[in-house]
Structure formats: structure tokens, C-alpha cells
Amino acid sequence: MCLSIPSKIIEILPDNYAIVDTMGVKRKVSLDLMPEPVNIGDYVLIHVGYAMTKLSEEDAIESIKVYEEILEKLDEEEGKLHKEVD
């Protein structure tokens, strides 16, 4: 399964690259496959190092909230497993 977490463009680089922030992790991605122009502050979905789709800030923030809820649930489950093992 492949999940694409919305990433915010924080810097546009030469040669059609950008630096994005994905839930606090910054990385360089290619903009070569983007069907439309992007700007700093836009949210994009990334697949194997390529920005593929731009999405609205509202949709991006909602998606990030869902991912954060998933991570919280996984942390809770992991904590329960550790208590059961101890």
C-alpha cells in the first residue's frame, strides 16, 4: 500500500525542483510531472520523489489531520502491546 501525505512547498529550486515539508520532514522533489505551475505555500502529493498533484490547502490540512489521528491510534496500540508484553 502506498500513502501520499500532502506536502507543502517551502522553496522553489532551479531545474524544476522544490523543497517540501511533509509533516516536519523536509526533502527535495522534482516538479517535472506536475501538470500545472506551483508556488511556495502550495500543497502537493508526492510519489517516488515527484510531485504529482496540487491540492487545496483545505483538503491538505484535512488529510494531514487524518494522518495524525492514524499515528496517534498506532502509538496507542503500540503502547498497549508493550504493556501486555511487560
PDB file of N, CA and C in Angstrom:
ATOM      1  N   MET A   1       0.844  -1.171   0.000  1.00  0.00           N
ATOM      2  CA  MET A   1       0.000   0.000   0.000  1.00  0.00           C
ATOM      3  C   MET A   1       0.888   1.231   0.000  1.00  0.00           C
ATOM      4  N   CYS A   2       0.479   2.224  -0.724  1.00  0.00           N
ATOM      5  CA  CYS A   2       1.242   3.455  -0.832  1.00  0.00           C
ATOM      6  C   CYS A   2       0.364   4.614  -0.359  1.00  0.00           C
ATOM      7  N   LEU A   3       0.867   5.367   0.605  1.00  0.00           N
ATOM      8  CA  LEU A   3       0.159   6.548   1.084  1.00  0.00           C
ATOM      9  C   LEU A   3       0.908   7.782   0.638  1.00  0.00           C
ATOM     10  N   SER A   4       0.201   8.742   0.174  1.00  0.00           N
ATOM     11  CA  SER A   4       0.820  10.007  -0.201  1.00  0.00           C
ATOM     12  C   SER A   4       0.302  11.072   0.751  1.00  0.00           C
ATOM     13  N   ILE A   5       1.207  11.614   1.524  1.00  0.00           N
ATOM     14  CA  ILE A   5       0.855  12.622   2.521  1.00  0.00           C
ATOM     15  C   ILE A   5       1.040  14.001   1.883  1.00  0.00           C
ATOM     16  N   PRO A   6       0.076  14.877   2.028  1.00  0.00           N
ATOM     17  CA  PRO A   6       0.237  16.220   1.461  1.00  0.00           C
ATOM     18  C   PRO A   6       1.511  16.889   1.983  1.00  0.00           C
ATOM     19  N   SER A   7       2.225  17.502   1.078  1.00  0.00           N
ATOM     20  CA  SER A   7       3.479  18.177   1.408  1.00  0.00           C
ATOM     21  C   SER A   7       3.399  19.624   0.955  1.00  0.00           C
ATOM     22  N   LYS A   8       3.931  20.512   1.790  1.00  0.00           N
ATOM     23  CA  LYS A   8       3.870  21.936   1.489  1.00  0.00           C
ATOM     24  C   LYS A   8       5.176  22.384   0.835  1.00  0.00           C
ATOM     25  N   ILE A   9       5.055  23.084  -0.269  1.00  0.00           N
ATOM     26  CA  ILE A   9       6.246  23.602  -0.952  1.00  0.00           C
ATOM     27  C   ILE A   9       6.778  24.788  -0.151  1.00  0.00           C
ATOM     28  N   ILE A  10       8.044  24.670   0.264  1.00  0.00           N
ATOM     29  CA  ILE A  10       8.632  25.755   1.059  1.00  0.00           C
ATOM     30  C   ILE A  10       9.734  26.490   0.305  1.00  0.00           C
ATOM     31  N   GLU A  11      10.204  25.902  -0.803  1.00  0.00           N
ATOM     32  CA  GLU A  11      11.233  26.579  -1.594  1.00  0.00           C
ATOM     33  C   GLU A  11      11.202  26.038  -3.025  1.00  0.00           C
ATOM     34  N   ILE A  12      11.283  26.926  -3.982  1.00  0.00           N
ATOM     35  CA  ILE A  12      11.404  26.520  -5.388  1.00  0.00           C
ATOM     36  C   ILE A  12      12.879  26.604  -5.757  1.00  0.00           C
ATOM     37  N   LEU A  13      13.410  25.526  -6.343  1.00  0.00           N
ATOM     38  CA  LEU A  13      14.820  25.460  -6.709  1.00  0.00           C
ATOM     39  C   LEU A  13      14.979  25.517  -8.217  1.00  0.00           C
ATOM     40  N   PRO A  14      16.196  25.777  -8.697  1.00  0.00           N
ATOM     41  CA  PRO A  14      16.440  25.734 -10.141  1.00  0.00           C
ATOM     42  C   PRO A  14      16.206  24.323 -10.702  1.00  0.00           C
ATOM     43  N   ASP A  15      16.105  24.243 -11.994  1.00  0.00           N
ATOM     44  CA  ASP A  15      15.962  22.971 -12.720  1.00  0.00           C
ATOM     45  C   ASP A  15      14.696  22.205 -12.349  1.00  0.00           C
ATOM     46  N   ASN A  16      13.641  22.929 -12.008  1.00  0.00           N
ATOM     47  CA  ASN A  16      12.326  22.348 -11.757  1.00  0.00           C
ATOM     48  C   ASN A  16      12.271  21.427 -10.535  1.00  0.00           C
ATOM     49  N   TYR A  17      12.963  21.824  -9.477  1.00  0.00           N
ATOM     50  CA  TYR A  17      12.917  21.110  -8.209  1.00  0.00           C
ATOM     51  C   TYR A  17      12.317  22.019  -7.144  1.00  0.00           C
ATOM     52  N   ALA A  18      11.896  21.408  -6.048  1.00  0.00           N
ATOM     53  CA  ALA A  18      11.375  22.167  -4.918  1.00  0.00           C
ATOM     54  C   ALA A  18      11.731  21.450  -3.620  1.00  0.00           C
ATOM     55  N   ILE A  19      11.766  22.215  -2.544  1.00  0.00           N
ATOM     56  CA  ILE A  19      11.886  21.632  -1.206  1.00  0.00           C
ATOM     57  C   ILE A  19      10.489  21.642  -0.613  1.00  0.00           C
ATOM     58  N   VAL A  20      10.077  20.494  -0.095  1.00  0.00           N
ATOM     59  CA  VAL A  20       8.752  20.386   0.512  1.00  0.00           C
ATOM     60  C   VAL A  20       8.893  19.973   1.968  1.00  0.00           C
ATOM     61  N   ASP A  21       7.858  20.273   2.728  1.00  0.00           N
ATOM     62  CA  ASP A  21       7.766  19.863   4.131  1.00  0.00           C
ATOM     63  C   ASP A  21       6.619  18.875   4.245  1.00  0.00           C
ATOM     64  N   THR A  22       6.975  17.644   4.626  1.00  0.00           N
ATOM     65  CA  THR A  22       5.971  16.596   4.807  1.00  0.00           C
ATOM     66  C   THR A  22       5.898  16.256   6.283  1.00  0.00           C
ATOM     67  N   MET A  23       4.952  16.820   6.974  1.00  0.00           N
ATOM     68  CA  MET A  23       4.766  16.596   8.409  1.00  0.00           C
ATOM     69  C   MET A  23       6.078  16.783   9.173  1.00  0.00           C
ATOM     70  N   GLY A  24       6.797  17.856   8.848  1.00  0.00           N
ATOM     71  CA  GLY A  24       8.033  18.190   9.550  1.00  0.00           C
ATOM     72  C   GLY A  24       9.304  17.664   8.919  1.00  0.00           C
ATOM     73  N   VAL A  25       9.187  16.809   7.915  1.00  0.00           N
ATOM     74  CA  VAL A  25      10.353  16.272   7.219  1.00  0.00           C
ATOM     75  C   VAL A  25      10.521  17.035   5.907  1.00  0.00           C
ATOM     76  N   LYS A  26      11.710  17.602   5.723  1.00  0.00           N
ATOM     77  CA  LYS A  26      11.968  18.375   4.501  1.00  0.00           C
ATOM     78  C   LYS A  26      12.750  17.529   3.506  1.00  0.00           C
ATOM     79  N   ARG A  27      12.334  17.628   2.234  1.00  0.00           N
ATOM     80  CA  ARG A  27      13.048  16.878   1.204  1.00  0.00           C
ATOM     81  C   ARG A  27      12.896  17.551  -0.145  1.00  0.00           C
ATOM     82  N   LYS A  28      13.811  17.180  -1.034  1.00  0.00           N
ATOM     83  CA  LYS A  28      13.842  17.739  -2.379  1.00  0.00           C
ATOM     84  C   LYS A  28      13.022  16.842  -3.301  1.00  0.00           C
ATOM     85  N   VAL A  29      12.148  17.459  -4.112  1.00  0.00           N
ATOM     86  CA  VAL A  29      11.334  16.694  -5.055  1.00  0.00           C
ATOM     87  C   VAL A  29      11.406  17.340  -6.433  1.00  0.00           C
ATOM     88  N   SER A  30      11.140  16.546  -7.424  1.00  0.00           N
ATOM     89  CA  SER A  30      11.079  17.048  -8.801  1.00  0.00           C
ATOM     90  C   SER A  30       9.667  17.550  -9.111  1.00  0.00           C
ATOM     91  N   LEU A  31       9.602  18.605  -9.873  1.00  0.00           N
ATOM     92  CA  LEU A  31       8.313  19.139 -10.326  1.00  0.00           C
ATOM     93  C   LEU A  31       8.045  18.766 -11.789  1.00  0.00           C
ATOM     94  N   ASP A  32       8.873  17.908 -12.366  1.00  0.00           N
ATOM     95  CA  ASP A  32       8.771  17.578 -13.793  1.00  0.00           C
ATOM     96  C   ASP A  32       7.423  16.986 -14.193  1.00  0.00           C
ATOM     97  N   LEU A  33       6.739  16.301 -13.291  1.00  0.00           N
ATOM     98  CA  LEU A  33       5.478  15.652 -13.652  1.00  0.00           C
ATOM     99  C   LEU A  33       4.243  16.460 -13.241  1.00  0.00           C
ATOM    100  N   MET A  34       4.463  17.642 -12.714  1.00  0.00           N
ATOM    101  CA  MET A  34       3.318  18.477 -12.313  1.00  0.00           C
ATOM    102  C   MET A  34       2.609  19.000 -13.565  1.00  0.00           C
ATOM    103  N   PRO A  35       1.288  18.816 -13.618  1.00  0.00           N
ATOM    104  CA  PRO A  35       0.540  19.290 -14.787  1.00  0.00           C
ATOM    105  C   PRO A  35       0.238  20.788 -14.754  1.00  0.00           C
ATOM    106  N   GLU A  36       0.547  21.441 -13.635  1.00  0.00           N
ATOM    107  CA  GLU A  36       0.272  22.869 -13.523  1.00  0.00           C
ATOM    108  C   GLU A  36       1.375  23.529 -12.693  1.00  0.00           C
ATOM    109  N   PRO A  37       1.547  24.818 -12.820  1.00  0.00           N
ATOM    110  CA  PRO A  37       2.575  25.507 -12.042  1.00  0.00           C
ATOM    111  C   PRO A  37       2.265  25.462 -10.550  1.00  0.00           C
ATOM    112  N   VAL A  38       3.303  25.488  -9.732  1.00  0.00           N
ATOM    113  CA  VAL A  38       3.133  25.539  -8.280  1.00  0.00           C
ATOM    114  C   VAL A  38       3.940  26.704  -7.727  1.00  0.00           C
ATOM    115  N   ASN A  39       3.555  27.121  -6.527  1.00  0.00           N
ATOM    116  CA  ASN A  39       4.227  28.230  -5.857  1.00  0.00           C
ATOM    117  C   ASN A  39       4.530  27.847  -4.417  1.00  0.00           C
ATOM    118  N   ILE A  40       5.373  28.621  -3.794  1.00  0.00           N
ATOM    119  CA  ILE A  40       5.652  28.422  -2.375  1.00  0.00           C
ATOM    120  C   ILE A  40       4.333  28.543  -1.615  1.00  0.00           C
ATOM    121  N   GLY A  41       4.105  27.595  -0.717  1.00  0.00           N
ATOM    122  CA  GLY A  41       2.873  27.573   0.070  1.00  0.00           C
ATOM    123  C   GLY A  41       1.821  26.620  -0.473  1.00  0.00           C
ATOM    124  N   ASP A  42       1.980  26.174  -1.720  1.00  0.00           N
ATOM    125  CA  ASP A  42       1.048  25.200  -2.288  1.00  0.00           C
ATOM    126  C   ASP A  42       1.288  23.823  -1.662  1.00  0.00           C
ATOM    127  N   TYR A  43       0.245  23.011  -1.651  1.00  0.00           N
ATOM    128  CA  TYR A  43       0.349  21.625  -1.191  1.00  0.00           C
ATOM    129  C   TYR A  43       0.316  20.698  -2.396  1.00  0.00           C
ATOM    130  N   VAL A  44       1.160  19.680  -2.349  1.00  0.00           N
ATOM    131  CA  VAL A  44       1.229  18.703  -3.434  1.00  0.00           C
ATOM    132  C   VAL A  44       1.270  17.297  -2.855  1.00  0.00           C
ATOM    133  N   LEU A  45       0.908  16.335  -3.683  1.00  0.00           N
ATOM    134  CA  LEU A  45       1.088  14.923  -3.347  1.00  0.00           C
ATOM    135  C   LEU A  45       2.313  14.436  -4.091  1.00  0.00           C
ATOM    136  N   ILE A  46       3.102  13.593  -3.430  1.00  0.00           N
ATOM    137  CA  ILE A  46       4.384  13.150  -3.984  1.00  0.00           C
ATOM    138  C   ILE A  46       4.386  11.636  -4.128  1.00  0.00           C
ATOM    139  N   HIS A  47       4.985  11.176  -5.201  1.00  0.00           N
ATOM    140  CA  HIS A  47       5.181   9.739  -5.415  1.00  0.00           C
ATOM    141  C   HIS A  47       6.596   9.535  -5.928  1.00  0.00           C
ATOM    142  N   VAL A  48       7.343   8.721  -5.240  1.00  0.00           N
ATOM    143  CA  VAL A  48       8.740   8.381  -5.546  1.00  0.00           C
ATOM    144  C   VAL A  48       9.577   9.601  -5.964  1.00  0.00           C
ATOM    145  N   GLY A  49       9.454  10.646  -5.214  1.00  0.00           N
ATOM    146  CA  GLY A  49      10.297  11.821  -5.441  1.00  0.00           C
ATOM    147  C   GLY A  49       9.778  12.831  -6.441  1.00  0.00           C
ATOM    148  N   TYR A  50       8.603  12.584  -6.965  1.00  0.00           N
ATOM    149  CA  TYR A  50       7.999  13.507  -7.932  1.00  0.00           C
ATOM    150  C   TYR A  50       6.694  14.072  -7.373  1.00  0.00           C
ATOM    151  N   ALA A  51       6.544  15.376  -7.412  1.00  0.00           N
ATOM    152  CA  ALA A  51       5.258  15.990  -7.100  1.00  0.00           C
ATOM    153  C   ALA A  51       4.328  15.663  -8.259  1.00  0.00           C
ATOM    154  N   MET A  52       3.128  15.144  -7.909  1.00  0.00           N
ATOM    155  CA  MET A  52       2.224  14.654  -8.954  1.00  0.00           C
ATOM    156  C   MET A  52       0.956  15.490  -9.097  1.00  0.00           C
ATOM    157  N   THR A  53       0.466  16.014  -7.986  1.00  0.00           N
ATOM    158  CA  THR A  53      -0.829  16.680  -7.980  1.00  0.00           C
ATOM    159  C   THR A  53      -0.833  17.810  -6.964  1.00  0.00           C
ATOM    160  N   LYS A  54      -1.438  18.907  -7.337  1.00  0.00           N
ATOM    161  CA  LYS A  54      -1.621  20.000  -6.386  1.00  0.00           C
ATOM    162  C   LYS A  54      -2.996  19.836  -5.756  1.00  0.00           C
ATOM    163  N   LEU A  55      -3.113  20.147  -4.462  1.00  0.00           N
ATOM    164  CA  LEU A  55      -4.414  20.081  -3.820  1.00  0.00           C
ATOM    165  C   LEU A  55      -4.630  21.343  -2.988  1.00  0.00           C
ATOM    166  N   SER A  56      -5.883  21.589  -2.686  1.00  0.00           N
ATOM    167  CA  SER A  56      -6.212  22.808  -1.950  1.00  0.00           C
ATOM    168  C   SER A  56      -5.672  22.724  -0.528  1.00  0.00           C
ATOM    169  N   GLU A  57      -5.415  23.888   0.060  1.00  0.00           N
ATOM    170  CA  GLU A  57      -4.934  23.926   1.435  1.00  0.00           C
ATOM    171  C   GLU A  57      -5.938  23.267   2.371  1.00  0.00           C
ATOM    172  N   GLU A  58      -7.220  23.506   2.131  1.00  0.00           N
ATOM    173  CA  GLU A  58      -8.262  22.914   2.971  1.00  0.00           C
ATOM    174  C   GLU A  58      -8.198  21.382   2.931  1.00  0.00           C
ATOM    175  N   ASP A  59      -8.103  20.811   1.736  1.00  0.00           N
ATOM    176  CA  ASP A  59      -8.020  19.353   1.610  1.00  0.00           C
ATOM    177  C   ASP A  59      -6.724  18.821   2.220  1.00  0.00           C
ATOM    178  N   ALA A  60      -5.626  19.543   2.018  1.00  0.00           N
ATOM    179  CA  ALA A  60      -4.338  19.105   2.561  1.00  0.00           C
ATOM    180  C   ALA A  60      -4.381  19.071   4.084  1.00  0.00           C
ATOM    181  N   ILE A  61      -4.883  20.109   4.693  1.00  0.00           N
ATOM    182  CA  ILE A  61      -4.938  20.179   6.153  1.00  0.00           C
ATOM    183  C   ILE A  61      -5.854  19.095   6.710  1.00  0.00           C
ATOM    184  N   GLU A  62      -6.965  18.851   6.060  1.00  0.00           N
ATOM    185  CA  GLU A  62      -7.864  17.782   6.496  1.00  0.00           C
ATOM    186  C   GLU A  62      -7.175  16.418   6.399  1.00  0.00           C
ATOM    187  N   SER A  63      -6.461  16.185   5.295  1.00  0.00           N
ATOM    188  CA  SER A  63      -5.739  14.912   5.137  1.00  0.00           C
ATOM    189  C   SER A  63      -4.661  14.751   6.198  1.00  0.00           C
ATOM    190  N   ILE A  64      -3.927  15.815   6.483  1.00  0.00           N
ATOM    191  CA  ILE A  64      -2.864  15.757   7.495  1.00  0.00           C
ATOM    192  C   ILE A  64      -3.470  15.447   8.867  1.00  0.00           C
ATOM    193  N   LYS A  65      -4.623  16.021   9.173  1.00  0.00           N
ATOM    194  CA  LYS A  65      -5.291  15.722  10.448  1.00  0.00           C
ATOM    195  C   LYS A  65      -5.627  14.241  10.541  1.00  0.00           C
ATOM    196  N   VAL A  66      -6.105  13.662   9.444  1.00  0.00           N
ATOM    197  CA  VAL A  66      -6.435  12.228   9.440  1.00  0.00           C
ATOM    198  C   VAL A  66      -5.176  11.393   9.664  1.00  0.00           C
ATOM    199  N   TYR A  67      -4.069  11.763   9.000  1.00  0.00           N
ATOM    200  CA  TYR A  67      -2.811  11.028   9.204  1.00  0.00           C
ATOM    201  C   TYR A  67      -2.350  11.129  10.647  1.00  0.00           C
ATOM    202  N   GLU A  68      -2.491  12.309  11.238  1.00  0.00           N
ATOM    203  CA  GLU A  68      -2.094  12.483  12.633  1.00  0.00           C
ATOM    204  C   GLU A  68      -2.951  11.621  13.557  1.00  0.00           C
ATOM    205  N   GLU A  69      -4.243  11.509  13.263  1.00  0.00           N
ATOM    206  CA  GLU A  69      -5.111  10.648  14.056  1.00  0.00           C
ATOM    207  C   GLU A  69      -4.698   9.187  13.921  1.00  0.00           C
ATOM    208  N   ILE A  70      -4.340   8.783  12.716  1.00  0.00           N
ATOM    209  CA  ILE A  70      -3.882   7.403  12.496  1.00  0.00           C
ATOM    210  C   ILE A  70      -2.617   7.137  13.311  1.00  0.00           C
ATOM    211  N   LEU A  71      -1.675   8.083  13.282  1.00  0.00           N
ATOM    212  CA  LEU A  71      -0.427   7.916  14.035  1.00  0.00           C
ATOM    213  C   LEU A  71      -0.699   7.831  15.537  1.00  0.00           C
ATOM    214  N   GLU A  72      -1.622   8.660  16.029  1.00  0.00           N
ATOM    215  CA  GLU A  72      -1.970   8.605  17.452  1.00  0.00           C
ATOM    216  C   GLU A  72      -2.540   7.239  17.812  1.00  0.00           C
ATOM    217  N   LYS A  73      -3.432   6.714  16.978  1.00  0.00           N
ATOM    218  CA  LYS A  73      -4.030   5.396  17.239  1.00  0.00           C
ATOM    219  C   LYS A  73      -2.965   4.304  17.215  1.00  0.00           C
ATOM    220  N   LEU A  74      -2.038   4.381  16.253  1.00  0.00           N
ATOM    221  CA  LEU A  74      -0.970   3.392  16.184  1.00  0.00           C
ATOM    222  C   LEU A  74      -0.085   3.458  17.422  1.00  0.00           C
ATOM    223  N   ASP A  75       0.213   4.679  17.874  1.00  0.00           N
ATOM    224  CA  ASP A  75       1.009   4.832  19.096  1.00  0.00           C
ATOM    225  C   ASP A  75       0.284   4.234  20.296  1.00  0.00           C
ATOM    226  N   GLU A  76      -1.035   4.467  20.379  1.00  0.00           N
ATOM    227  CA  GLU A  76      -1.821   3.900  21.476  1.00  0.00           C
ATOM    228  C   GLU A  76      -1.774   2.376  21.433  1.00  0.00           C
ATOM    229  N   GLU A  77      -1.956   1.815  20.241  1.00  0.00           N
ATOM    230  CA  GLU A  77      -1.936   0.356  20.091  1.00  0.00           C
ATOM    231  C   GLU A  77      -0.564  -0.203  20.446  1.00  0.00           C
ATOM    232  N   GLU A  78       0.493   0.482  20.019  1.00  0.00           N
ATOM    233  CA  GLU A  78       1.844   0.027  20.327  1.00  0.00           C
ATOM    234  C   GLU A  78       2.081   0.076  21.835  1.00  0.00           C
ATOM    235  N   GLY A  79       1.583   1.120  22.480  1.00  0.00           N
ATOM    236  CA  GLY A  79       1.710   1.229  23.934  1.00  0.00           C
ATOM    237  C   GLY A  79       1.000   0.091  24.638  1.00  0.00           C
ATOM    238  N   LYS A  80      -0.176  -0.296  24.141  1.00  0.00           N
ATOM    239  CA  LYS A  80      -0.921  -1.417  24.718  1.00  0.00           C
ATOM    240  C   LYS A  80      -0.144  -2.717  24.555  1.00  0.00           C
ATOM    241  N   LEU A  81       0.475  -2.900  23.384  1.00  0.00           N
ATOM    242  CA  LEU A  81       1.243  -4.115  23.141  1.00  0.00           C
ATOM    243  C   LEU A  81       2.432  -4.209  24.089  1.00  0.00           C
ATOM    244  N   HIS A  82       3.112  -3.065  24.306  1.00  0.00           N
ATOM    245  CA  HIS A  82       4.268  -3.067  25.212  1.00  0.00           C
ATOM    246  C   HIS A  82       3.827  -3.401  26.634  1.00  0.00           C
ATOM    247  N   LYS A  83       2.667  -2.900  27.069  1.00  0.00           N
ATOM    248  CA  LYS A  83       2.177  -3.196  28.413  1.00  0.00           C
ATOM    249  C   LYS A  83       1.838  -4.675  28.546  1.00  0.00           C
ATOM    250  N   GLU A  84       1.286  -5.262  27.470  1.00  0.00           N
ATOM    251  CA  GLU A  84       0.940  -6.680  27.507  1.00  0.00           C
ATOM    252  C   GLU A  84       2.182  -7.560  27.579  1.00  0.00           C
ATOM    253  N   VAL A  85       3.266  -7.146  26.923  1.00  0.00           N
ATOM    254  CA  VAL A  85       4.499  -7.927  26.898  1.00  0.00           C
ATOM    255  C   VAL A  85       5.232  -7.810  28.229  1.00  0.00           C
ATOM    256  N   ASP A  86       5.186  -6.626  28.841  1.00  0.00           N
ATOM    257  CA  ASP A  86       5.906  -6.404  30.116  1.00  0.00           C
ATOM    258  C   ASP A  86       5.304  -7.148  31.248  1.00  0.00           C
TER     259      ASP A  86
END
